[in-house]
Amino acid sequence: MGNLLSTNAGVICPHNGQVSFSPIDQPSAQSISTRVRVLGQPVILAGGSLPVVGCSFFLQFGLERVPSPCVRVRFNGAARVTSQGRAVVLDDSGGTCSNAQGTEQGFSVVTATQPRVRGL
């Protein structure tokens, strides 16, 4: 059981890049609920990609450092709580961060969330 994530939550990638709650592309615009709000802020829906900005991760190949920043996160959803037919995201749902090529680079970390509404 965790707290519902809304657009005012603080979420980072494992390399301290900030998750932005502005959708990457038009199909992902459905990552934010238009019907459910918590403390006046829309909740986040599972399945869509959200952008990550400011990630400074790199890969080391011998002496060469190759930038490989996280650029998107995709969240898992709650088991029992939905909005618009899709699972909502809880602070303990987990999100997978990936680079521009789609390679998974770790899991998102929730740094702040609203404390009032919980779900399963």
PDB file of N, CA and C in Angstrom:
ATOM      1  N   MET A   1       0.854  -1.175   0.000  1.00  0.00           N
ATOM      2  CA  MET A   1       0.000   0.000   0.000  1.00  0.00           C
ATOM      3  C   MET A   1       0.897   1.234   0.000  1.00  0.00           C
ATOM      4  N   GLY A   2       0.622   2.134  -0.925  1.00  0.00           N
ATOM      5  CA  GLY A   2       1.444   3.328  -1.033  1.00  0.00           C
ATOM      6  C   GLY A   2       0.603   4.562  -1.317  1.00  0.00           C
ATOM      7  N   ASN A   3       1.240   5.711  -1.286  1.00  0.00           N
ATOM      8  CA  ASN A   3       0.563   6.980  -1.575  1.00  0.00           C
ATOM      9  C   ASN A   3       0.468   7.186  -3.077  1.00  0.00           C
ATOM     10  N   LEU A   4      -0.671   7.711  -3.550  1.00  0.00           N
ATOM     11  CA  LEU A   4      -0.815   8.021  -4.963  1.00  0.00           C
ATOM     12  C   LEU A   4       0.154   9.124  -5.351  1.00  0.00           C
ATOM     13  N   LEU A   5       0.795   8.970  -6.517  1.00  0.00           N
ATOM     14  CA  LEU A   5       1.697  10.000  -7.016  1.00  0.00           C
ATOM     15  C   LEU A   5       0.907  11.004  -7.832  1.00  0.00           C
ATOM     16  N   SER A   6       1.123  12.264  -7.544  1.00  0.00           N
ATOM     17  CA  SER A   6       0.498  13.330  -8.330  1.00  0.00           C
ATOM     18  C   SER A   6       1.604  14.138  -9.001  1.00  0.00           C
ATOM     19  N   THR A   7       1.199  15.105  -9.798  1.00  0.00           N
ATOM     20  CA  THR A   7       2.186  15.876 -10.567  1.00  0.00           C
ATOM     21  C   THR A   7       3.069  16.772  -9.702  1.00  0.00           C
ATOM     22  N   ASN A   8       2.776  16.906  -8.420  1.00  0.00           N
ATOM     23  CA  ASN A   8       3.667  17.690  -7.561  1.00  0.00           C
ATOM     24  C   ASN A   8       4.636  16.806  -6.771  1.00  0.00           C
ATOM     25  N   ALA A   9       4.693  15.508  -7.091  1.00  0.00           N
ATOM     26  CA  ALA A   9       5.622  14.600  -6.420  1.00  0.00           C
ATOM     27  C   ALA A   9       7.050  14.882  -6.871  1.00  0.00           C
ATOM     28  N   GLY A  10       7.985  14.533  -6.029  1.00  0.00           N
ATOM     29  CA  GLY A  10       9.396  14.615  -6.394  1.00  0.00           C
ATOM     30  C   GLY A  10       9.888  13.225  -6.738  1.00  0.00           C
ATOM     31  N   VAL A  11      10.362  13.038  -7.966  1.00  0.00           N
ATOM     32  CA  VAL A  11      10.859  11.736  -8.412  1.00  0.00           C
ATOM     33  C   VAL A  11      12.163  11.963  -9.172  1.00  0.00           C
ATOM     34  N   ILE A  12      13.177  11.141  -8.876  1.00  0.00           N
ATOM     35  CA  ILE A  12      14.462  11.242  -9.551  1.00  0.00           C
ATOM     36  C   ILE A  12      14.858   9.882 -10.123  1.00  0.00           C
ATOM     37  N   CYS A  13      15.768   9.913 -11.099  1.00  0.00           N
ATOM     38  CA  CYS A  13      16.368   8.679 -11.602  1.00  0.00           C
ATOM     39  C   CYS A  13      17.473   8.283 -10.613  1.00  0.00           C
ATOM     40  N   PRO A  14      18.068   7.093 -10.757  1.00  0.00           N
ATOM     41  CA  PRO A  14      19.103   6.694  -9.798  1.00  0.00           C
ATOM     42  C   PRO A  14      20.376   7.536  -9.861  1.00  0.00           C
ATOM     43  N   HIS A  15      20.466   8.422 -10.855  1.00  0.00           N
ATOM     44  CA  HIS A  15      21.650   9.274 -11.012  1.00  0.00           C
ATOM     45  C   HIS A  15      21.315  10.738 -10.742  1.00  0.00           C
ATOM     46  N   ASN A  16      20.211  10.980 -10.054  1.00  0.00           N
ATOM     47  CA  ASN A  16      19.732  12.298  -9.629  1.00  0.00           C
ATOM     48  C   ASN A  16      19.142  13.171 -10.732  1.00  0.00           C
ATOM     49  N   GLY A  17      18.780  12.594 -11.865  1.00  0.00           N
ATOM     50  CA  GLY A  17      18.045  13.348 -12.880  1.00  0.00           C
ATOM     51  C   GLY A  17      16.605  13.516 -12.426  1.00  0.00           C
ATOM     52  N   GLN A  18      15.989  14.630 -12.721  1.00  0.00           N
ATOM     53  CA  GLN A  18      14.632  14.945 -12.268  1.00  0.00           C
ATOM     54  C   GLN A  18      13.589  14.436 -13.263  1.00  0.00           C
ATOM     55  N   VAL A  19      12.584  13.720 -12.764  1.00  0.00           N
ATOM     56  CA  VAL A  19      11.468  13.288 -13.610  1.00  0.00           C
ATOM     57  C   VAL A  19      10.522  14.463 -13.773  1.00  0.00           C
ATOM     58  N   SER A  20      10.207  14.766 -15.026  1.00  0.00           N
ATOM     59  CA  SER A  20       9.288  15.862 -15.333  1.00  0.00           C
ATOM     60  C   SER A  20       7.925  15.271 -15.645  1.00  0.00           C
ATOM     61  N   PHE A  21       6.899  15.887 -15.140  1.00  0.00           N
ATOM     62  CA  PHE A  21       5.554  15.373 -15.390  1.00  0.00           C
ATOM     63  C   PHE A  21       4.916  16.041 -16.601  1.00  0.00           C
ATOM     64  N   SER A  22       5.741  16.321 -17.613  1.00  0.00           N
ATOM     65  CA  SER A  22       5.284  16.781 -18.917  1.00  0.00           C
ATOM     66  C   SER A  22       5.498  15.618 -19.870  1.00  0.00           C
ATOM     67  N   PRO A  23       4.469  15.125 -20.541  1.00  0.00           N
ATOM     68  CA  PRO A  23       4.624  13.955 -21.408  1.00  0.00           C
ATOM     69  C   PRO A  23       5.632  14.185 -22.537  1.00  0.00           C
ATOM     70  N   ILE A  24       6.320  13.117 -22.922  1.00  0.00           N
ATOM     71  CA  ILE A  24       7.322  13.171 -23.987  1.00  0.00           C
ATOM     72  C   ILE A  24       6.662  13.356 -25.347  1.00  0.00           C
ATOM     73  N   ASP A  25       5.632  12.608 -25.615  1.00  0.00           N
ATOM     74  CA  ASP A  25       4.968  12.688 -26.908  1.00  0.00           C
ATOM     75  C   ASP A  25       3.454  12.598 -26.723  1.00  0.00           C
ATOM     76  N   GLN A  26       2.724  12.820 -27.771  1.00  0.00           N
ATOM     77  CA  GLN A  26       1.267  12.893 -27.680  1.00  0.00           C
ATOM     78  C   GLN A  26       0.623  11.637 -27.103  1.00  0.00           C
ATOM     79  N   PRO A  27       1.014  10.408 -27.554  1.00  0.00           N
ATOM     80  CA  PRO A  27       0.393   9.231 -26.940  1.00  0.00           C
ATOM     81  C   PRO A  27       0.643   9.147 -25.440  1.00  0.00           C
ATOM     82  N   SER A  28       1.795   9.662 -24.977  1.00  0.00           N
ATOM     83  CA  SER A  28       2.111   9.619 -23.552  1.00  0.00           C
ATOM     84  C   SER A  28       1.398  10.709 -22.767  1.00  0.00           C
ATOM     85  N   ALA A  29       0.690  11.585 -23.467  1.00  0.00           N
ATOM     86  CA  ALA A  29      -0.054  12.625 -22.766  1.00  0.00           C
ATOM     87  C   ALA A  29      -1.072  11.994 -21.829  1.00  0.00           C
ATOM     88  N   GLN A  30      -1.386  10.744 -22.056  1.00  0.00           N
ATOM     89  CA  GLN A  30      -2.327  10.038 -21.199  1.00  0.00           C
ATOM     90  C   GLN A  30      -1.674   9.527 -19.926  1.00  0.00           C
ATOM     91  N   SER A  31      -0.419   9.890 -19.664  1.00  0.00           N
ATOM     92  CA  SER A  31       0.265   9.498 -18.428  1.00  0.00           C
ATOM     93  C   SER A  31      -0.236  10.287 -17.229  1.00  0.00           C
ATOM     94  N   ILE A  32      -0.985  11.332 -17.491  1.00  0.00           N
ATOM     95  CA  ILE A  32      -1.514  12.169 -16.419  1.00  0.00           C
ATOM     96  C   ILE A  32      -3.031  12.128 -16.483  1.00  0.00           C
ATOM     97  N   SER A  33      -3.659  11.779 -15.365  1.00  0.00           N
ATOM     98  CA  SER A  33      -5.110  11.659 -15.321  1.00  0.00           C
ATOM     99  C   SER A  33      -5.793  13.011 -15.504  1.00  0.00           C
ATOM    100  N   THR A  34      -6.835  13.015 -16.291  1.00  0.00           N
ATOM    101  CA  THR A  34      -7.631  14.231 -16.451  1.00  0.00           C
ATOM    102  C   THR A  34      -8.847  14.212 -15.528  1.00  0.00           C
ATOM    103  N   ARG A  35      -9.046  13.101 -14.821  1.00  0.00           N
ATOM    104  CA  ARG A  35     -10.248  12.958 -13.988  1.00  0.00           C
ATOM    105  C   ARG A  35      -9.999  12.893 -12.494  1.00  0.00           C
ATOM    106  N   VAL A  36      -8.855  12.377 -12.070  1.00  0.00           N
ATOM    107  CA  VAL A  36      -8.597  12.195 -10.639  1.00  0.00           C
ATOM    108  C   VAL A  36      -7.517  13.162 -10.184  1.00  0.00           C
ATOM    109  N   ARG A  37      -7.801  13.854  -9.092  1.00  0.00           N
ATOM    110  CA  ARG A  37      -6.845  14.794  -8.504  1.00  0.00           C
ATOM    111  C   ARG A  37      -6.675  14.496  -7.022  1.00  0.00           C
ATOM    112  N   VAL A  38      -5.469  14.764  -6.544  1.00  0.00           N
ATOM    113  CA  VAL A  38      -5.159  14.635  -5.122  1.00  0.00           C
ATOM    114  C   VAL A  38      -4.598  15.979  -4.678  1.00  0.00           C
ATOM    115  N   LEU A  39      -5.224  16.593  -3.701  1.00  0.00           N
ATOM    116  CA  LEU A  39      -4.837  17.917  -3.234  1.00  0.00           C
ATOM    117  C   LEU A  39      -4.748  18.908  -4.403  1.00  0.00           C
ATOM    118  N   GLY A  40      -5.670  18.762  -5.361  1.00  0.00           N
ATOM    119  CA  GLY A  40      -5.751  19.671  -6.495  1.00  0.00           C
ATOM    120  C   GLY A  40      -4.818  19.363  -7.651  1.00  0.00           C
ATOM    121  N   GLN A  41      -3.996  18.319  -7.529  1.00  0.00           N
ATOM    122  CA  GLN A  41      -3.035  17.963  -8.578  1.00  0.00           C
ATOM    123  C   GLN A  41      -3.438  16.652  -9.250  1.00  0.00           C
ATOM    124  N   PRO A  42      -3.306  16.546 -10.585  1.00  0.00           N
ATOM    125  CA  PRO A  42      -3.637  15.300 -11.277  1.00  0.00           C
ATOM    126  C   PRO A  42      -2.714  14.169 -10.842  1.00  0.00           C
ATOM    127  N   VAL A  43      -3.259  12.941 -10.808  1.00  0.00           N
ATOM    128  CA  VAL A  43      -2.446  11.774 -10.472  1.00  0.00           C
ATOM    129  C   VAL A  43      -1.793  11.231 -11.736  1.00  0.00           C
ATOM    130  N   ILE A  44      -0.734  10.456 -11.544  1.00  0.00           N
ATOM    131  CA  ILE A  44       0.038   9.867 -12.635  1.00  0.00           C
ATOM    132  C   ILE A  44      -0.521   8.479 -12.935  1.00  0.00           C
ATOM    133  N   LEU A  45      -0.618   8.149 -14.224  1.00  0.00           N
ATOM    134  CA  LEU A  45      -1.118   6.849 -14.661  1.00  0.00           C
ATOM    135  C   LEU A  45       0.030   5.976 -15.159  1.00  0.00           C
ATOM    136  N   ALA A  46      -0.091   4.677 -14.931  1.00  0.00           N
ATOM    137  CA  ALA A  46       0.939   3.728 -15.358  1.00  0.00           C
ATOM    138  C   ALA A  46       0.924   3.551 -16.868  1.00  0.00           C
ATOM    139  N   GLY A  47       2.054   3.121 -17.397  1.00  0.00           N
ATOM    140  CA  GLY A  47       2.129   2.749 -18.800  1.00  0.00           C
ATOM    141  C   GLY A  47       2.764   3.763 -19.718  1.00  0.00           C
ATOM    142  N   GLY A  48       2.570   5.035 -19.492  1.00  0.00           N
ATOM    143  CA  GLY A  48       3.161   6.053 -20.360  1.00  0.00           C
ATOM    144  C   GLY A  48       4.576   6.406 -19.931  1.00  0.00           C
ATOM    145  N   SER A  49       5.318   7.023 -20.828  1.00  0.00           N
ATOM    146  CA  SER A  49       6.679   7.466 -20.522  1.00  0.00           C
ATOM    147  C   SER A  49       6.672   8.933 -20.122  1.00  0.00           C
ATOM    148  N   LEU A  50       7.471   9.247 -19.133  1.00  0.00           N
ATOM    149  CA  LEU A  50       7.662  10.630 -18.718  1.00  0.00           C
ATOM    150  C   LEU A  50       9.136  10.966 -18.830  1.00  0.00           C
ATOM    151  N   PRO A  51       9.478  12.199 -19.196  1.00  0.00           N
ATOM    152  CA  PRO A  51      10.878  12.554 -19.412  1.00  0.00           C
ATOM    153  C   PRO A  51      11.682  12.711 -18.120  1.00  0.00           C
ATOM    154  N   VAL A  52      12.969  12.434 -18.235  1.00  0.00           N
ATOM    155  CA  VAL A  52      13.933  12.663 -17.164  1.00  0.00           C
ATOM    156  C   VAL A  52      14.908  13.715 -17.683  1.00  0.00           C
ATOM    157  N   VAL A  53      15.152  14.738 -16.888  1.00  0.00           N
ATOM    158  CA  VAL A  53      16.083  15.802 -17.293  1.00  0.00           C
ATOM    159  C   VAL A  53      17.207  15.927 -16.264  1.00  0.00           C
ATOM    160  N   GLY A  54      18.393  16.221 -16.733  1.00  0.00           N
ATOM    161  CA  GLY A  54      19.519  16.473 -15.839  1.00  0.00           C
ATOM    162  C   GLY A  54      20.263  15.248 -15.358  1.00  0.00           C
ATOM    163  N   CYS A  55      20.047  14.097 -15.972  1.00  0.00           N
ATOM    164  CA  CYS A  55      20.781  12.897 -15.573  1.00  0.00           C
ATOM    165  C   CYS A  55      22.209  12.991 -16.115  1.00  0.00           C
ATOM    166  N   SER A  56      23.188  12.708 -15.278  1.00  0.00           N
ATOM    167  CA  SER A  56      24.591  12.833 -15.678  1.00  0.00           C
ATOM    168  C   SER A  56      25.295  11.479 -15.781  1.00  0.00           C
ATOM    169  N   PHE A  57      24.529  10.406 -15.943  1.00  0.00           N
ATOM    170  CA  PHE A  57      25.116   9.070 -16.001  1.00  0.00           C
ATOM    171  C   PHE A  57      25.957   8.896 -17.265  1.00  0.00           C
ATOM    172  N   PHE A  58      27.052   8.140 -17.149  1.00  0.00           N
ATOM    173  CA  PHE A  58      27.893   7.830 -18.300  1.00  0.00           C
ATOM    174  C   PHE A  58      28.415   6.403 -18.157  1.00  0.00           C
ATOM    175  N   LEU A  59      28.815   5.836 -19.268  1.00  0.00           N
ATOM    176  CA  LEU A  59      29.425   4.506 -19.298  1.00  0.00           C
ATOM    177  C   LEU A  59      30.923   4.674 -19.477  1.00  0.00           C
ATOM    178  N   GLN A  60      31.678   3.825 -18.824  1.00  0.00           N
ATOM    179  CA  GLN A  60      33.137   3.884 -18.904  1.00  0.00           C
ATOM    180  C   GLN A  60      33.628   2.720 -19.750  1.00  0.00           C
ATOM    181  N   PHE A  61      34.313   3.019 -20.854  1.00  0.00           N
ATOM    182  CA  PHE A  61      34.927   2.019 -21.716  1.00  0.00           C
ATOM    183  C   PHE A  61      36.427   2.287 -21.739  1.00  0.00           C
ATOM    184  N   GLY A  62      37.166   1.630 -20.870  1.00  0.00           N
ATOM    185  CA  GLY A  62      38.595   1.906 -20.736  1.00  0.00           C
ATOM    186  C   GLY A  62      38.787   3.327 -20.246  1.00  0.00           C
ATOM    187  N   LEU A  63      39.439   4.160 -21.062  1.00  0.00           N
ATOM    188  CA  LEU A  63      39.647   5.561 -20.703  1.00  0.00           C
ATOM    189  C   LEU A  63      38.548   6.470 -21.249  1.00  0.00           C
ATOM    190  N   GLU A  64      37.686   5.910 -22.054  1.00  0.00           N
ATOM    191  CA  GLU A  64      36.634   6.712 -22.682  1.00  0.00           C
ATOM    192  C   GLU A  64      35.356   6.719 -21.845  1.00  0.00           C
ATOM    193  N   ARG A  65      34.812   7.903 -21.656  1.00  0.00           N
ATOM    194  CA  ARG A  65      33.530   8.068 -20.950  1.00  0.00           C
ATOM    195  C   ARG A  65      32.472   8.439 -21.982  1.00  0.00           C
ATOM    196  N   VAL A  66      31.426   7.630 -22.054  1.00  0.00           N
ATOM    197  CA  VAL A  66      30.362   7.846 -23.027  1.00  0.00           C
ATOM    198  C   VAL A  66      29.092   8.245 -22.273  1.00  0.00           C
ATOM    199  N   PRO A  67      28.547   9.438 -22.545  1.00  0.00           N
ATOM    200  CA  PRO A  67      27.305   9.839 -21.878  1.00  0.00           C
ATOM    201  C   PRO A  67      26.165   8.878 -22.203  1.00  0.00           C
ATOM    202  N   SER A  68      25.419   8.510 -21.186  1.00  0.00           N
ATOM    203  CA  SER A  68      24.264   7.627 -21.350  1.00  0.00           C
ATOM    204  C   SER A  68      23.186   8.044 -20.345  1.00  0.00           C
ATOM    205  N   PRO A  69      22.709   9.280 -20.445  1.00  0.00           N
ATOM    206  CA  PRO A  69      21.754   9.765 -19.440  1.00  0.00           C
ATOM    207  C   PRO A  69      20.389   9.083 -19.534  1.00  0.00           C
ATOM    208  N   CYS A  70      19.734   8.982 -18.405  1.00  0.00           N
ATOM    209  CA  CYS A  70      18.341   8.539 -18.398  1.00  0.00           C
ATOM    210  C   CYS A  70      17.525   9.639 -19.080  1.00  0.00           C
ATOM    211  N   VAL A  71      16.644   9.256 -19.984  1.00  0.00           N
ATOM    212  CA  VAL A  71      15.813  10.243 -20.682  1.00  0.00           C
ATOM    213  C   VAL A  71      14.327  10.011 -20.481  1.00  0.00           C
ATOM    214  N   ARG A  72      13.951   8.830 -19.976  1.00  0.00           N
ATOM    215  CA  ARG A  72      12.529   8.566 -19.728  1.00  0.00           C
ATOM    216  C   ARG A  72      12.361   7.558 -18.601  1.00  0.00           C
ATOM    217  N   VAL A  73      11.199   7.607 -17.995  1.00  0.00           N
ATOM    218  CA  VAL A  73      10.833   6.638 -16.968  1.00  0.00           C
ATOM    219  C   VAL A  73       9.439   6.117 -17.291  1.00  0.00           C
ATOM    220  N   ARG A  74       9.260   4.822 -17.083  1.00  0.00           N
ATOM    221  CA  ARG A  74       7.962   4.179 -17.277  1.00  0.00           C
ATOM    222  C   ARG A  74       7.581   3.534 -15.947  1.00  0.00           C
ATOM    223  N   PHE A  75       6.417   3.911 -15.427  1.00  0.00           N
ATOM    224  CA  PHE A  75       5.984   3.450 -14.112  1.00  0.00           C
ATOM    225  C   PHE A  75       5.099   2.221 -14.186  1.00  0.00           C
ATOM    226  N   ASN A  76       5.217   1.366 -13.171  1.00  0.00           N
ATOM    227  CA  ASN A  76       4.251   0.293 -12.948  1.00  0.00           C
ATOM    228  C   ASN A  76       3.076   0.903 -12.203  1.00  0.00           C
ATOM    229  N   GLY A  77       1.962   0.187 -12.130  1.00  0.00           N
ATOM    230  CA  GLY A  77       0.781   0.758 -11.504  1.00  0.00           C
ATOM    231  C   GLY A  77       0.273  -0.018 -10.315  1.00  0.00           C
ATOM    232  N   ALA A  78      -0.711   0.563  -9.673  1.00  0.00           N
ATOM    233  CA  ALA A  78      -1.363  -0.056  -8.522  1.00  0.00           C
ATOM    234  C   ALA A  78      -2.150  -1.289  -8.971  1.00  0.00           C
ATOM    235  N   ALA A  79      -2.347  -2.220  -8.056  1.00  0.00           N
ATOM    236  CA  ALA A  79      -3.073  -3.440  -8.377  1.00  0.00           C
ATOM    237  C   ALA A  79      -4.585  -3.217  -8.406  1.00  0.00           C
ATOM    238  N   ARG A  80      -5.093  -2.288  -7.597  1.00  0.00           N
ATOM    239  CA  ARG A  80      -6.542  -2.173  -7.453  1.00  0.00           C
ATOM    240  C   ARG A  80      -7.119  -0.795  -7.727  1.00  0.00           C
ATOM    241  N   VAL A  81      -6.298   0.208  -7.934  1.00  0.00           N
ATOM    242  CA  VAL A  81      -6.814   1.567  -8.112  1.00  0.00           C
ATOM    243  C   VAL A  81      -6.579   2.007  -9.553  1.00  0.00           C
ATOM    244  N   THR A  82      -7.658   2.434 -10.220  1.00  0.00           N
ATOM    245  CA  THR A  82      -7.540   2.862 -11.612  1.00  0.00           C
ATOM    246  C   THR A  82      -8.201   4.214 -11.821  1.00  0.00           C
ATOM    247  N   SER A  83      -7.810   4.850 -12.916  1.00  0.00           N
ATOM    248  CA  SER A  83      -8.439   6.071 -13.396  1.00  0.00           C
ATOM    249  C   SER A  83      -8.440   5.985 -14.912  1.00  0.00           C
ATOM    250  N   GLN A  84      -9.553   6.254 -15.514  1.00  0.00           N
ATOM    251  CA  GLN A  84      -9.671   6.207 -16.961  1.00  0.00           C
ATOM    252  C   GLN A  84      -9.283   4.836 -17.518  1.00  0.00           C
ATOM    253  N   GLY A  85      -9.558   3.780 -16.747  1.00  0.00           N
ATOM    254  CA  GLY A  85      -9.268   2.423 -17.188  1.00  0.00           C
ATOM    255  C   GLY A  85      -7.817   1.993 -17.056  1.00  0.00           C
ATOM    256  N   ARG A  86      -6.965   2.817 -16.454  1.00  0.00           N
ATOM    257  CA  ARG A  86      -5.549   2.486 -16.280  1.00  0.00           C
ATOM    258  C   ARG A  86      -5.163   2.587 -14.817  1.00  0.00           C
ATOM    259  N   ALA A  87      -4.183   1.798 -14.426  1.00  0.00           N
ATOM    260  CA  ALA A  87      -3.715   1.807 -13.045  1.00  0.00           C
ATOM    261  C   ALA A  87      -3.065   3.146 -12.716  1.00  0.00           C
ATOM    262  N   VAL A  88      -3.306   3.625 -11.505  1.00  0.00           N
ATOM    263  CA  VAL A  88      -2.614   4.830 -11.050  1.00  0.00           C
ATOM    264  C   VAL A  88      -1.249   4.416 -10.493  1.00  0.00           C
ATOM    265  N   VAL A  89      -0.342   5.371 -10.378  1.00  0.00           N
ATOM    266  CA  VAL A  89       1.000   5.097  -9.865  1.00  0.00           C
ATOM    267  C   VAL A  89       1.056   5.439  -8.384  1.00  0.00           C
ATOM    268  N   LEU A  90       1.627   4.528  -7.606  1.00  0.00           N
ATOM    269  CA  LEU A  90       1.829   4.733  -6.174  1.00  0.00           C
ATOM    270  C   LEU A  90       3.317   5.005  -5.931  1.00  0.00           C
ATOM    271  N   ASP A  91       3.629   5.584  -4.775  1.00  0.00           N
ATOM    272  CA  ASP A  91       5.038   5.881  -4.494  1.00  0.00           C
ATOM    273  C   ASP A  91       5.888   4.621  -4.360  1.00  0.00           C
ATOM    274  N   ASP A  92       5.256   3.467  -4.141  1.00  0.00           N
ATOM    275  CA  ASP A  92       6.015   2.214  -4.070  1.00  0.00           C
ATOM    276  C   ASP A  92       5.809   1.331  -5.301  1.00  0.00           C
ATOM    277  N   SER A  93       5.209   1.871  -6.368  1.00  0.00           N
ATOM    278  CA  SER A  93       4.962   1.097  -7.591  1.00  0.00           C
ATOM    279  C   SER A  93       6.246   0.788  -8.350  1.00  0.00           C
ATOM    280  N   GLY A  94       7.169   1.687  -8.352  1.00  0.00           N
ATOM    281  CA  GLY A  94       8.424   1.487  -9.074  1.00  0.00           C
ATOM    282  C   GLY A  94       8.344   1.973 -10.503  1.00  0.00           C
ATOM    283  N   GLY A  95       9.371   2.651 -10.921  1.00  0.00           N
ATOM    284  CA  GLY A  95       9.486   3.124 -12.293  1.00  0.00           C
ATOM    285  C   GLY A  95      10.839   2.723 -12.845  1.00  0.00           C
ATOM    286  N   THR A  96      10.874   2.336 -14.111  1.00  0.00           N
ATOM    287  CA  THR A  96      12.116   1.929 -14.747  1.00  0.00           C
ATOM    288  C   THR A  96      12.640   3.057 -15.616  1.00  0.00           C
ATOM    289  N   CYS A  97      13.865   3.474 -15.371  1.00  0.00           N
ATOM    290  CA  CYS A  97      14.503   4.553 -16.135  1.00  0.00           C
ATOM    291  C   CYS A  97      15.311   3.951 -17.273  1.00  0.00           C
ATOM    292  N   SER A  98      15.291   4.623 -18.433  1.00  0.00           N
ATOM    293  CA  SER A  98      16.045   4.122 -19.576  1.00  0.00           C
ATOM    294  C   SER A  98      16.697   5.266 -20.339  1.00  0.00           C
ATOM    295  N   ASN A  99      17.723   4.924 -21.129  1.00  0.00           N
ATOM    296  CA  ASN A  99      18.405   5.926 -21.941  1.00  0.00           C
ATOM    297  C   ASN A  99      17.692   6.069 -23.286  1.00  0.00           C
ATOM    298  N   ALA A 100      18.252   6.845 -24.198  1.00  0.00           N
ATOM    299  CA  ALA A 100      17.617   7.119 -25.485  1.00  0.00           C
ATOM    300  C   ALA A 100      17.478   5.868 -26.338  1.00  0.00           C
ATOM    301  N   GLN A 101      18.339   4.886 -26.142  1.00  0.00           N
ATOM    302  CA  GLN A 101      18.256   3.634 -26.897  1.00  0.00           C
ATOM    303  C   GLN A 101      17.286   2.644 -26.274  1.00  0.00           C
ATOM    304  N   GLY A 102      16.714   2.981 -25.116  1.00  0.00           N
ATOM    305  CA  GLY A 102      15.765   2.099 -24.443  1.00  0.00           C
ATOM    306  C   GLY A 102      16.385   1.131 -23.461  1.00  0.00           C
ATOM    307  N   THR A 103      17.677   1.264 -23.206  1.00  0.00           N
ATOM    308  CA  THR A 103      18.357   0.392 -22.252  1.00  0.00           C
ATOM    309  C   THR A 103      17.996   0.794 -20.834  1.00  0.00           C
ATOM    310  N   GLU A 104      17.525  -0.162 -20.051  1.00  0.00           N
ATOM    311  CA  GLU A 104      17.162   0.126 -18.665  1.00  0.00           C
ATOM    312  C   GLU A 104      18.414   0.426 -17.856  1.00  0.00           C
ATOM    313  N   GLN A 105      18.326   1.492 -17.030  1.00  0.00           N
ATOM    314  CA  GLN A 105      19.495   1.929 -16.267  1.00  0.00           C
ATOM    315  C   GLN A 105      19.235   2.038 -14.771  1.00  0.00           C
ATOM    316  N   GLY A 106      18.122   1.516 -14.312  1.00  0.00           N
ATOM    317  CA  GLY A 106      17.834   1.540 -12.889  1.00  0.00           C
ATOM    318  C   GLY A 106      16.402   1.951 -12.622  1.00  0.00           C
ATOM    319  N   PHE A 107      16.096   2.111 -11.348  1.00  0.00           N
ATOM    320  CA  PHE A 107      14.735   2.411 -10.927  1.00  0.00           C
ATOM    321  C   PHE A 107      14.625   3.824 -10.362  1.00  0.00           C
ATOM    322  N   SER A 108      13.473   4.421 -10.570  1.00  0.00           N
ATOM    323  CA  SER A 108      13.229   5.771 -10.057  1.00  0.00           C
ATOM    324  C   SER A 108      13.124   5.751  -8.537  1.00  0.00           C
ATOM    325  N   VAL A 109      13.354   6.913  -7.946  1.00  0.00           N
ATOM    326  CA  VAL A 109      13.276   7.082  -6.497  1.00  0.00           C
ATOM    327  C   VAL A 109      12.311   8.224  -6.211  1.00  0.00           C
ATOM    328  N   VAL A 110      11.310   7.968  -5.380  1.00  0.00           N
ATOM    329  CA  VAL A 110      10.363   9.013  -4.991  1.00  0.00           C
ATOM    330  C   VAL A 110      10.947   9.757  -3.803  1.00  0.00           C
ATOM    331  N   THR A 111      11.110  11.075  -3.956  1.00  0.00           N
ATOM    332  CA  THR A 111      11.701  11.881  -2.888  1.00  0.00           C
ATOM    333  C   THR A 111      10.658  12.657  -2.092  1.00  0.00           C
ATOM    334  N   ALA A 112       9.483  12.879  -2.683  1.00  0.00           N
ATOM    335  CA  ALA A 112       8.408  13.584  -1.986  1.00  0.00           C
ATOM    336  C   ALA A 112       7.077  13.223  -2.631  1.00  0.00           C
ATOM    337  N   THR A 113       6.054  13.089  -1.808  1.00  0.00           N
ATOM    338  CA  THR A 113       4.713  12.788  -2.325  1.00  0.00           C
ATOM    339  C   THR A 113       3.677  13.307  -1.338  1.00  0.00           C
ATOM    340  N   GLN A 114       2.436  13.308  -1.765  1.00  0.00           N
ATOM    341  CA  GLN A 114       1.352  13.747  -0.882  1.00  0.00           C
ATOM    342  C   GLN A 114       1.060  12.631   0.129  1.00  0.00           C
ATOM    343  N   PRO A 115       0.682  12.963   1.353  1.00  0.00           N
ATOM    344  CA  PRO A 115       0.505  11.953   2.392  1.00  0.00           C
ATOM    345  C   PRO A 115      -0.935  11.504   2.636  1.00  0.00           C
ATOM    346  N   ARG A 116      -1.915  12.044   1.924  1.00  0.00           N
ATOM    347  CA  ARG A 116      -3.303  11.816   2.296  1.00  0.00           C
ATOM    348  C   ARG A 116      -3.982  10.624   1.643  1.00  0.00           C
ATOM    349  N   VAL A 117      -3.719  10.338   0.385  1.00  0.00           N
ATOM    350  CA  VAL A 117      -4.471   9.305  -0.333  1.00  0.00           C
ATOM    351  C   VAL A 117      -3.563   8.124  -0.616  1.00  0.00           C
ATOM    352  N   ARG A 118      -4.012   6.929  -0.156  1.00  0.00           N
ATOM    353  CA  ARG A 118      -3.241   5.705  -0.331  1.00  0.00           C
ATOM    354  C   ARG A 118      -4.031   4.726  -1.175  1.00  0.00           C
ATOM    355  N   GLY A 119      -3.317   3.792  -1.795  1.00  0.00           N
ATOM    356  CA  GLY A 119      -3.969   2.771  -2.623  1.00  0.00           C
ATOM    357  C   GLY A 119      -3.206   1.477  -2.595  1.00  0.00           C
ATOM    358  N   LEU A 120      -3.808   0.446  -3.175  1.00  0.00           N
ATOM    359  CA  LEU A 120      -3.195  -0.879  -3.290  1.00  0.00           C
ATOM    360  C   LEU A 120      -2.848  -1.166  -4.729  1.00  0.00           C
TER     361      LEU A 120
END
